[in-house]
Amino acid sequence: GVKSNFITSGELKAAGLPLNKMTPQERAYLQSTVDQLQDI
């Protein structure tokens, strides 16, 4: 019965927080970040 309720400045600010269900947009953003780091 615990619900998350975040007020953020942008749609991706809370990406990856454990109480949030990850959206396709958040997953794509985080995957892009990992890919950039892998390129480095």
ModelCIF file with pLDDT and N, C-alpha, C, O atoms, coordinates in Angstrom:
data_MODEL
#
_entry.id   MODEL 
#
_entity.id                         1 
_entity.type                       polymer 
_entity.pdbx_number_of_molecules   1 
#
_entity_poly.entity_id                      1 
_entity_poly.type                           'polypeptide(L)' 
_entity_poly.nstd_linkage                   no 
_entity_poly.nstd_monomer                   no 
_entity_poly.pdbx_seq_one_letter_code       GVKSNFITSGELKAAGLPLNKMTPQERAYLQSTVDQLQDI 
_entity_poly.pdbx_seq_one_letter_code_can   GVKSNFITSGELKAAGLPLNKMTPQERAYLQSTVDQLQDI 
_entity_poly.pdbx_strand_id                 A 
#
loop_
_entity_poly_seq.entity_id 
_entity_poly_seq.num 
_entity_poly_seq.mon_id 
_entity_poly_seq.hetero 
1 1  GLY n 
1 2  VAL n 
1 3  LYS n 
1 4  SER n 
1 5  ASN n 
1 6  PHE n 
1 7  ILE n 
1 8  THR n 
1 9  SER n 
1 10 GLY n 
1 11 GLU n 
1 12 LEU n 
1 13 LYS n 
1 14 ALA n 
1 15 ALA n 
1 16 GLY n 
1 17 LEU n 
1 18 PRO n 
1 19 LEU n 
1 20 ASN n 
1 21 LYS n 
1 22 MET n 
1 23 THR n 
1 24 PRO n 
1 25 GLN n 
1 26 GLU n 
1 27 ARG n 
1 28 ALA n 
1 29 TYR n 
1 30 LEU n 
1 31 GLN n 
1 32 SER n 
1 33 THR n 
1 34 VAL n 
1 35 ASP n 
1 36 GLN n 
1 37 LEU n 
1 38 GLN n 
1 39 ASP n 
1 40 ILE n 
#
_struct_asym.id          A 
_struct_asym.entity_id   1 
#
loop_
_ma_qa_metric.id 
_ma_qa_metric.mode 
_ma_qa_metric.name 
_ma_qa_metric.software_group_id 
_ma_qa_metric.type 
1 global pLDDT . pLDDT 
2 local  pLDDT . pLDDT 
#
_ma_qa_metric_global.metric_id      1 
_ma_qa_metric_global.metric_value   83.22 
_ma_qa_metric_global.model_id       1 
_ma_qa_metric_global.ordinal_id     1 
#
loop_
_ma_qa_metric_local.label_asym_id 
_ma_qa_metric_local.label_comp_id 
_ma_qa_metric_local.label_seq_id 
_ma_qa_metric_local.metric_id 
_ma_qa_metric_local.metric_value 
_ma_qa_metric_local.model_id 
_ma_qa_metric_local.ordinal_id 
A GLY 1  2 75.00 1 1  
A VAL 2  2 74.00 1 2  
A LYS 3  2 74.00 1 3  
A SER 4  2 71.00 1 4  
A ASN 5  2 72.00 1 5  
A PHE 6  2 72.00 1 6  
A ILE 7  2 75.00 1 7  
A THR 8  2 72.00 1 8  
A SER 9  2 79.00 1 9  
A GLY 10 2 80.00 1 10 
A GLU 11 2 81.00 1 11 
A LEU 12 2 82.00 1 12 
A LYS 13 2 79.00 1 13 
A ALA 14 2 73.00 1 14 
A ALA 15 2 81.00 1 15 
A GLY 16 2 74.00 1 16 
A LEU 17 2 74.00 1 17 
A PRO 18 2 76.00 1 18 
A LEU 19 2 71.00 1 19 
A ASN 20 2 77.00 1 20 
A LYS 21 2 82.00 1 21 
A MET 22 2 83.00 1 22 
A THR 23 2 88.00 1 23 
A PRO 24 2 90.00 1 24 
A GLN 25 2 93.00 1 25 
A GLU 26 2 89.00 1 26 
A ARG 27 2 90.00 1 27 
A ALA 28 2 92.00 1 28 
A TYR 29 2 90.00 1 29 
A LEU 30 2 90.00 1 30 
A GLN 31 2 91.00 1 31 
A SER 32 2 93.00 1 32 
A THR 33 2 91.00 1 33 
A VAL 34 2 92.00 1 34 
A ASP 35 2 93.00 1 35 
A GLN 36 2 95.00 1 36 
A LEU 37 2 93.00 1 37 
A GLN 38 2 93.00 1 38 
A ASP 39 2 94.00 1 39 
A ILE 40 2 95.00 1 40 
#
loop_
_atom_site.group_PDB 
_atom_site.id 
_atom_site.type_symbol 
_atom_site.label_atom_id 
_atom_site.label_alt_id 
_atom_site.label_comp_id 
_atom_site.label_asym_id 
_atom_site.label_entity_id 
_atom_site.label_seq_id 
_atom_site.pdbx_PDB_ins_code 
_atom_site.Cartn_x 
_atom_site.Cartn_y 
_atom_site.Cartn_z 
_atom_site.occupancy 
_atom_site.B_iso_or_equiv 
_atom_site.pdbx_formal_charge 
_atom_site.auth_seq_id 
_atom_site.auth_comp_id 
_atom_site.auth_asym_id 
_atom_site.auth_atom_id 
_atom_site.pdbx_PDB_model_num 
ATOM 1   N N  . GLY A 1 1  ? 0.793  -1.215 0.000   1.00 75.00 ? 1  GLY A N  1 
ATOM 2   C CA . GLY A 1 1  ? 0.000  0.000  0.000   1.00 75.00 ? 1  GLY A CA 1 
ATOM 3   C C  . GLY A 1 1  ? 0.827  1.267  0.000   1.00 75.00 ? 1  GLY A C  1 
ATOM 4   O O  . GLY A 1 1  ? 0.340  2.328  0.390   1.00 75.00 ? 1  GLY A O  1 
ATOM 5   N N  . VAL A 1 2  ? 2.086  1.168  -0.438  1.00 74.00 ? 2  VAL A N  1 
ATOM 6   C CA . VAL A 1 2  ? 2.973  2.327  -0.500  1.00 74.00 ? 2  VAL A CA 1 
ATOM 7   C C  . VAL A 1 2  ? 2.988  2.848  -1.930  1.00 74.00 ? 2  VAL A C  1 
ATOM 8   O O  . VAL A 1 2  ? 3.250  2.098  -2.870  1.00 74.00 ? 2  VAL A O  1 
ATOM 9   N N  . LYS A 1 3  ? 2.707  4.132  -2.089  1.00 74.00 ? 3  LYS A N  1 
ATOM 10  C CA . LYS A 1 3  ? 2.683  4.731  -3.416  1.00 74.00 ? 3  LYS A CA 1 
ATOM 11  C C  . LYS A 1 3  ? 3.732  5.840  -3.488  1.00 74.00 ? 3  LYS A C  1 
ATOM 12  O O  . LYS A 1 3  ? 3.877  6.632  -2.557  1.00 74.00 ? 3  LYS A O  1 
ATOM 13  N N  . SER A 1 4  ? 4.456  5.889  -4.595  1.00 71.00 ? 4  SER A N  1 
ATOM 14  C CA . SER A 1 4  ? 5.440  6.951  -4.787  1.00 71.00 ? 4  SER A CA 1 
ATOM 15  C C  . SER A 1 4  ? 4.741  8.195  -5.318  1.00 71.00 ? 4  SER A C  1 
ATOM 16  O O  . SER A 1 4  ? 3.757  8.100  -6.053  1.00 71.00 ? 4  SER A O  1 
ATOM 17  N N  . ASN A 1 5  ? 5.248  9.339  -4.948  1.00 72.00 ? 5  ASN A N  1 
ATOM 18  C CA . ASN A 1 5  ? 4.641  10.592 -5.370  1.00 72.00 ? 5  ASN A CA 1 
ATOM 19  C C  . ASN A 1 5  ? 5.735  11.648 -5.484  1.00 72.00 ? 5  ASN A C  1 
ATOM 20  O O  . ASN A 1 5  ? 5.961  12.428 -4.559  1.00 72.00 ? 5  ASN A O  1 
ATOM 21  N N  . PHE A 1 6  ? 6.415  11.659 -6.639  1.00 72.00 ? 6  PHE A N  1 
ATOM 22  C CA . PHE A 1 6  ? 7.548  12.555 -6.825  1.00 72.00 ? 6  PHE A CA 1 
ATOM 23  C C  . PHE A 1 6  ? 7.128  13.777 -7.630  1.00 72.00 ? 6  PHE A C  1 
ATOM 24  O O  . PHE A 1 6  ? 6.364  13.673 -8.590  1.00 72.00 ? 6  PHE A O  1 
ATOM 25  N N  . ILE A 1 7  ? 7.627  14.911 -7.233  1.00 75.00 ? 7  ILE A N  1 
ATOM 26  C CA . ILE A 1 7  ? 7.463  16.132 -8.012  1.00 75.00 ? 7  ILE A CA 1 
ATOM 27  C C  . ILE A 1 7  ? 8.817  16.436 -8.640  1.00 75.00 ? 7  ILE A C  1 
ATOM 28  O O  . ILE A 1 7  ? 9.781  16.719 -7.928  1.00 75.00 ? 7  ILE A O  1 
ATOM 29  N N  . THR A 1 8  ? 8.898  16.381 -9.943  1.00 72.00 ? 8  THR A N  1 
ATOM 30  C CA . THR A 1 8  ? 10.187 16.520 -10.627 1.00 72.00 ? 8  THR A CA 1 
ATOM 31  C C  . THR A 1 8  ? 10.154 17.690 -11.606 1.00 72.00 ? 8  THR A C  1 
ATOM 32  O O  . THR A 1 8  ? 9.092  18.185 -11.982 1.00 72.00 ? 8  THR A O  1 
ATOM 33  N N  . SER A 1 9  ? 11.331 18.109 -11.997 1.00 79.00 ? 9  SER A N  1 
ATOM 34  C CA . SER A 1 9  ? 11.463 19.206 -12.951 1.00 79.00 ? 9  SER A CA 1 
ATOM 35  C C  . SER A 1 9  ? 11.443 18.712 -14.390 1.00 79.00 ? 9  SER A C  1 
ATOM 36  O O  . SER A 1 9  ? 11.418 19.518 -15.320 1.00 79.00 ? 9  SER A O  1 
ATOM 37  N N  . GLY A 1 10 ? 11.453 17.404 -14.581 1.00 80.00 ? 10 GLY A N  1 
ATOM 38  C CA . GLY A 1 10 ? 11.441 16.850 -15.930 1.00 80.00 ? 10 GLY A CA 1 
ATOM 39  C C  . GLY A 1 10 ? 11.019 15.396 -15.907 1.00 80.00 ? 10 GLY A C  1 
ATOM 40  O O  . GLY A 1 10 ? 11.041 14.761 -14.852 1.00 80.00 ? 10 GLY A O  1 
ATOM 41  N N  . GLU A 1 11 ? 10.637 14.863 -17.050 1.00 81.00 ? 11 GLU A N  1 
ATOM 42  C CA . GLU A 1 11 ? 10.097 13.510 -17.134 1.00 81.00 ? 11 GLU A CA 1 
ATOM 43  C C  . GLU A 1 11 ? 11.119 12.442 -16.770 1.00 81.00 ? 11 GLU A C  1 
ATOM 44  O O  . GLU A 1 11 ? 10.743 11.348 -16.350 1.00 81.00 ? 11 GLU A O  1 
ATOM 45  N N  . LEU A 1 12 ? 12.403 12.743 -16.926 1.00 82.00 ? 12 LEU A N  1 
ATOM 46  C CA . LEU A 1 12 ? 13.440 11.735 -16.696 1.00 82.00 ? 12 LEU A CA 1 
ATOM 47  C C  . LEU A 1 12 ? 14.186 11.924 -15.378 1.00 82.00 ? 12 LEU A C  1 
ATOM 48  O O  . LEU A 1 12 ? 15.111 11.173 -15.071 1.00 82.00 ? 12 LEU A O  1 
ATOM 49  N N  . LYS A 1 13 ? 13.783 12.926 -14.602 1.00 79.00 ? 13 LYS A N  1 
ATOM 50  C CA . LYS A 1 13 ? 14.505 13.211 -13.366 1.00 79.00 ? 13 LYS A CA 1 
ATOM 51  C C  . LYS A 1 13 ? 14.441 12.043 -12.387 1.00 79.00 ? 13 LYS A C  1 
ATOM 52  O O  . LYS A 1 13 ? 15.407 11.813 -11.659 1.00 79.00 ? 13 LYS A O  1 
ATOM 53  N N  . ALA A 1 14 ? 13.345 11.306 -12.345 1.00 73.00 ? 14 ALA A N  1 
ATOM 54  C CA . ALA A 1 14 ? 13.175 10.206 -11.390 1.00 73.00 ? 14 ALA A CA 1 
ATOM 55  C C  . ALA A 1 14 ? 13.467 8.845  -12.009 1.00 73.00 ? 14 ALA A C  1 
ATOM 56  O O  . ALA A 1 14 ? 13.132 7.813  -11.426 1.00 73.00 ? 14 ALA A O  1 
ATOM 57  N N  . ALA A 1 15 ? 14.086 8.836  -13.181 1.00 81.00 ? 15 ALA A N  1 
ATOM 58  C CA . ALA A 1 15 ? 14.367 7.567  -13.860 1.00 81.00 ? 15 ALA A CA 1 
ATOM 59  C C  . ALA A 1 15 ? 15.253 6.674  -13.000 1.00 81.00 ? 15 ALA A C  1 
ATOM 60  O O  . ALA A 1 15 ? 16.298 7.108  -12.516 1.00 81.00 ? 15 ALA A O  1 
ATOM 61  N N  . GLY A 1 16 ? 14.835 5.433  -12.814 1.00 74.00 ? 16 GLY A N  1 
ATOM 62  C CA . GLY A 1 16 ? 15.640 4.460  -12.074 1.00 74.00 ? 16 GLY A CA 1 
ATOM 63  C C  . GLY A 1 16 ? 15.364 4.400  -10.596 1.00 74.00 ? 16 GLY A C  1 
ATOM 64  O O  . GLY A 1 16 ? 15.943 3.559  -9.908  1.00 74.00 ? 16 GLY A O  1 
ATOM 65  N N  . LEU A 1 17 ? 14.498 5.263  -10.067 1.00 74.00 ? 17 LEU A N  1 
ATOM 66  C CA . LEU A 1 17 ? 14.196 5.191  -8.636  1.00 74.00 ? 17 LEU A CA 1 
ATOM 67  C C  . LEU A 1 17 ? 13.424 3.915  -8.333  1.00 74.00 ? 17 LEU A C  1 
ATOM 68  O O  . LEU A 1 17 ? 12.534 3.541  -9.097  1.00 74.00 ? 17 LEU A O  1 
ATOM 69  N N  . PRO A 1 18 ? 13.748 3.238  -7.231  1.00 76.00 ? 18 PRO A N  1 
ATOM 70  C CA . PRO A 1 18 ? 13.208 1.896  -6.979  1.00 76.00 ? 18 PRO A CA 1 
ATOM 71  C C  . PRO A 1 18 ? 11.696 1.831  -6.800  1.00 76.00 ? 18 PRO A C  1 
ATOM 72  O O  . PRO A 1 18 ? 11.108 0.774  -7.031  1.00 76.00 ? 18 PRO A O  1 
ATOM 73  N N  . LEU A 1 19 ? 11.044 2.922  -6.394  1.00 71.00 ? 19 LEU A N  1 
ATOM 74  C CA . LEU A 1 19 ? 9.597  2.892  -6.185  1.00 71.00 ? 19 LEU A CA 1 
ATOM 75  C C  . LEU A 1 19 ? 8.812  3.187  -7.454  1.00 71.00 ? 19 LEU A C  1 
ATOM 76  O O  . LEU A 1 19 ? 7.586  3.074  -7.472  1.00 71.00 ? 19 LEU A O  1 
ATOM 77  N N  . ASN A 1 20 ? 9.515  3.565  -8.512  1.00 77.00 ? 20 ASN A N  1 
ATOM 78  C CA . ASN A 1 20 ? 8.846  3.900  -9.773  1.00 77.00 ? 20 ASN A CA 1 
ATOM 79  C C  . ASN A 1 20 ? 8.899  2.729  -10.746 1.00 77.00 ? 20 ASN A C  1 
ATOM 80  O O  . ASN A 1 20 ? 9.931  2.072  -10.882 1.00 77.00 ? 20 ASN A O  1 
ATOM 81  N N  . LYS A 1 21 ? 7.802  2.478  -11.409 1.00 82.00 ? 21 LYS A N  1 
ATOM 82  C CA . LYS A 1 21 ? 7.820  1.533  -12.523 1.00 82.00 ? 21 LYS A CA 1 
ATOM 83  C C  . LYS A 1 21 ? 8.483  2.229  -13.706 1.00 82.00 ? 21 LYS A C  1 
ATOM 84  O O  . LYS A 1 21 ? 8.087  3.331  -14.084 1.00 82.00 ? 21 LYS A O  1 
ATOM 85  N N  . MET A 1 22 ? 9.496  1.584  -14.290 1.00 83.00 ? 22 MET A N  1 
ATOM 86  C CA . MET A 1 22 ? 10.249 2.213  -15.358 1.00 83.00 ? 22 MET A CA 1 
ATOM 87  C C  . MET A 1 22 ? 9.420  2.293  -16.632 1.00 83.00 ? 22 MET A C  1 
ATOM 88  O O  . MET A 1 22 ? 8.829  1.304  -17.065 1.00 83.00 ? 22 MET A O  1 
ATOM 89  N N  . THR A 1 23 ? 9.383  3.467  -17.219 1.00 88.00 ? 23 THR A N  1 
ATOM 90  C CA . THR A 1 23 ? 8.663  3.667  -18.473 1.00 88.00 ? 23 THR A CA 1 
ATOM 91  C C  . THR A 1 23 ? 9.586  3.340  -19.646 1.00 88.00 ? 23 THR A C  1 
ATOM 92  O O  . THR A 1 23 ? 10.806 3.342  -19.478 1.00 88.00 ? 23 THR A O  1 
ATOM 93  N N  . PRO A 1 24 ? 9.034  3.059  -20.832 1.00 90.00 ? 24 PRO A N  1 
ATOM 94  C CA . PRO A 1 24 ? 9.877  2.821  -22.010 1.00 90.00 ? 24 PRO A CA 1 
ATOM 95  C C  . PRO A 1 24 ? 10.818 3.990  -22.297 1.00 90.00 ? 24 PRO A C  1 
ATOM 96  O O  . PRO A 1 24 ? 11.950 3.777  -22.733 1.00 90.00 ? 24 PRO A O  1 
ATOM 97  N N  . GLN A 1 25 ? 10.365 5.218  -22.059 1.00 93.00 ? 25 GLN A N  1 
ATOM 98  C CA . GLN A 1 25 ? 11.206 6.393  -22.283 1.00 93.00 ? 25 GLN A CA 1 
ATOM 99  C C  . GLN A 1 25 ? 12.393 6.418  -21.326 1.00 93.00 ? 25 GLN A C  1 
ATOM 100 O O  . GLN A 1 25 ? 13.509 6.750  -21.726 1.00 93.00 ? 25 GLN A O  1 
ATOM 101 N N  . GLU A 1 26 ? 12.152 6.064  -20.045 1.00 89.00 ? 26 GLU A N  1 
ATOM 102 C CA . GLU A 1 26 ? 13.229 6.032  -19.057 1.00 89.00 ? 26 GLU A CA 1 
ATOM 103 C C  . GLU A 1 26 ? 14.232 4.934  -19.395 1.00 89.00 ? 26 GLU A C  1 
ATOM 104 O O  . GLU A 1 26 ? 15.441 5.135  -19.285 1.00 89.00 ? 26 GLU A O  1 
ATOM 105 N N  . ARG A 1 27 ? 13.723 3.769  -19.807 1.00 90.00 ? 27 ARG A N  1 
ATOM 106 C CA . ARG A 1 27 ? 14.634 2.664  -20.152 1.00 90.00 ? 27 ARG A CA 1 
ATOM 107 C C  . ARG A 1 27 ? 15.511 3.047  -21.338 1.00 90.00 ? 27 ARG A C  1 
ATOM 108 O O  . ARG A 1 27 ? 16.710 2.769  -21.343 1.00 90.00 ? 27 ARG A O  1 
ATOM 109 N N  . ALA A 1 28 ? 14.915 3.682  -22.339 1.00 92.00 ? 28 ALA A N  1 
ATOM 110 C CA . ALA A 1 28 ? 15.693 4.091  -23.508 1.00 92.00 ? 28 ALA A CA 1 
ATOM 111 C C  . ALA A 1 28 ? 16.766 5.106  -23.126 1.00 92.00 ? 28 ALA A C  1 
ATOM 112 O O  . ALA A 1 28 ? 17.887 5.058  -23.634 1.00 92.00 ? 28 ALA A O  1 
ATOM 113 N N  . TYR A 1 29 ? 16.416 6.023  -22.231 1.00 90.00 ? 29 TYR A N  1 
ATOM 114 C CA . TYR A 1 29 ? 17.369 7.042  -21.767 1.00 90.00 ? 29 TYR A CA 1 
ATOM 115 C C  . TYR A 1 29 ? 18.548 6.407  -21.026 1.00 90.00 ? 29 TYR A C  1 
ATOM 116 O O  . TYR A 1 29 ? 19.707 6.736  -21.282 1.00 90.00 ? 29 TYR A O  1 
ATOM 117 N N  . LEU A 1 30 ? 18.234 5.487  -20.099 1.00 90.00 ? 30 LEU A N  1 
ATOM 118 C CA . LEU A 1 30 ? 19.293 4.846  -19.324 1.00 90.00 ? 30 LEU A CA 1 
ATOM 119 C C  . LEU A 1 30 ? 20.148 3.943  -20.209 1.00 90.00 ? 30 LEU A C  1 
ATOM 120 O O  . LEU A 1 30 ? 21.363 3.873  -20.024 1.00 90.00 ? 30 LEU A O  1 
ATOM 121 N N  . GLN A 1 31 ? 19.535 3.253  -21.162 1.00 91.00 ? 31 GLN A N  1 
ATOM 122 C CA . GLN A 1 31 ? 20.295 2.405  -22.080 1.00 91.00 ? 31 GLN A CA 1 
ATOM 123 C C  . GLN A 1 31 ? 21.235 3.247  -22.923 1.00 91.00 ? 31 GLN A C  1 
ATOM 124 O O  . GLN A 1 31 ? 22.370 2.845  -23.180 1.00 91.00 ? 31 GLN A O  1 
ATOM 125 N N  . SER A 1 32 ? 20.769 4.416  -23.357 1.00 93.00 ? 32 SER A N  1 
ATOM 126 C CA . SER A 1 32 ? 21.622 5.320  -24.133 1.00 93.00 ? 32 SER A CA 1 
ATOM 127 C C  . SER A 1 32 ? 22.833 5.765  -23.319 1.00 93.00 ? 32 SER A C  1 
ATOM 128 O O  . SER A 1 32 ? 23.939 5.874  -23.848 1.00 93.00 ? 32 SER A O  1 
ATOM 129 N N  . THR A 1 33 ? 22.614 6.024  -22.019 1.00 91.00 ? 33 THR A N  1 
ATOM 130 C CA . THR A 1 33 ? 23.714 6.431  -21.142 1.00 91.00 ? 33 THR A CA 1 
ATOM 131 C C  . THR A 1 33 ? 24.743 5.315  -21.007 1.00 91.00 ? 33 THR A C  1 
ATOM 132 O O  . THR A 1 33 ? 25.947 5.556  -21.092 1.00 91.00 ? 33 THR A O  1 
ATOM 133 N N  . VAL A 1 34 ? 24.257 4.089  -20.795 1.00 92.00 ? 34 VAL A N  1 
ATOM 134 C CA . VAL A 1 34 ? 25.157 2.933  -20.690 1.00 92.00 ? 34 VAL A CA 1 
ATOM 135 C C  . VAL A 1 34 ? 25.940 2.752  -21.983 1.00 92.00 ? 34 VAL A C  1 
ATOM 136 O O  . VAL A 1 34 ? 27.139 2.476  -21.947 1.00 92.00 ? 34 VAL A O  1 
ATOM 137 N N  . ASP A 1 35 ? 25.272 2.905  -23.130 1.00 93.00 ? 35 ASP A N  1 
ATOM 138 C CA . ASP A 1 35 ? 25.940 2.733  -24.425 1.00 93.00 ? 35 ASP A CA 1 
ATOM 139 C C  . ASP A 1 35 ? 27.057 3.767  -24.600 1.00 93.00 ? 35 ASP A C  1 
ATOM 140 O O  . ASP A 1 35 ? 28.125 3.443  -25.118 1.00 93.00 ? 35 ASP A O  1 
ATOM 141 N N  . GLN A 1 36 ? 26.813 5.010  -24.168 1.00 95.00 ? 36 GLN A N  1 
ATOM 142 C CA . GLN A 1 36 ? 27.841 6.041  -24.269 1.00 95.00 ? 36 GLN A CA 1 
ATOM 143 C C  . GLN A 1 36 ? 29.052 5.699  -23.400 1.00 95.00 ? 36 GLN A C  1 
ATOM 144 O O  . GLN A 1 36 ? 30.199 5.866  -23.815 1.00 95.00 ? 36 GLN A O  1 
ATOM 145 N N  . LEU A 1 37 ? 28.776 5.220  -22.197 1.00 93.00 ? 37 LEU A N  1 
ATOM 146 C CA . LEU A 1 37 ? 29.876 4.842  -21.299 1.00 93.00 ? 37 LEU A CA 1 
ATOM 147 C C  . LEU A 1 37 ? 30.640 3.642  -21.847 1.00 93.00 ? 37 LEU A C  1 
ATOM 148 O O  . LEU A 1 37 ? 31.860 3.561  -21.708 1.00 93.00 ? 37 LEU A O  1 
ATOM 149 N N  . GLN A 1 38 ? 29.919 2.707  -22.470 1.00 93.00 ? 38 GLN A N  1 
ATOM 150 C CA . GLN A 1 38 ? 30.579 1.545  -23.069 1.00 93.00 ? 38 GLN A CA 1 
ATOM 151 C C  . GLN A 1 38 ? 31.488 1.993  -24.208 1.00 93.00 ? 38 GLN A C  1 
ATOM 152 O O  . GLN A 1 38 ? 32.578 1.448  -24.380 1.00 93.00 ? 38 GLN A O  1 
ATOM 153 N N  . ASP A 1 39 ? 31.051 2.978  -24.986 1.00 94.00 ? 39 ASP A N  1 
ATOM 154 C CA . ASP A 1 39 ? 31.895 3.499  -26.070 1.00 94.00 ? 39 ASP A CA 1 
ATOM 155 C C  . ASP A 1 39 ? 33.189 4.097  -25.510 1.00 94.00 ? 39 ASP A C  1 
ATOM 156 O O  . ASP A 1 39 ? 34.258 3.949  -26.103 1.00 94.00 ? 39 ASP A O  1 
ATOM 157 N N  . ILE A 1 40 ? 33.081 4.781  -24.349 1.00 95.00 ? 40 ILE A N  1 
ATOM 158 C CA . ILE A 1 40 ? 34.277 5.340  -23.715 1.00 95.00 ? 40 ILE A CA 1 
ATOM 159 C C  . ILE A 1 40 ? 35.225 4.217  -23.310 1.00 95.00 ? 40 ILE A C  1 
ATOM 160 O O  . ILE A 1 40 ? 36.294 4.481  -22.758 1.00 95.00 ? 40 ILE A O  1 
#
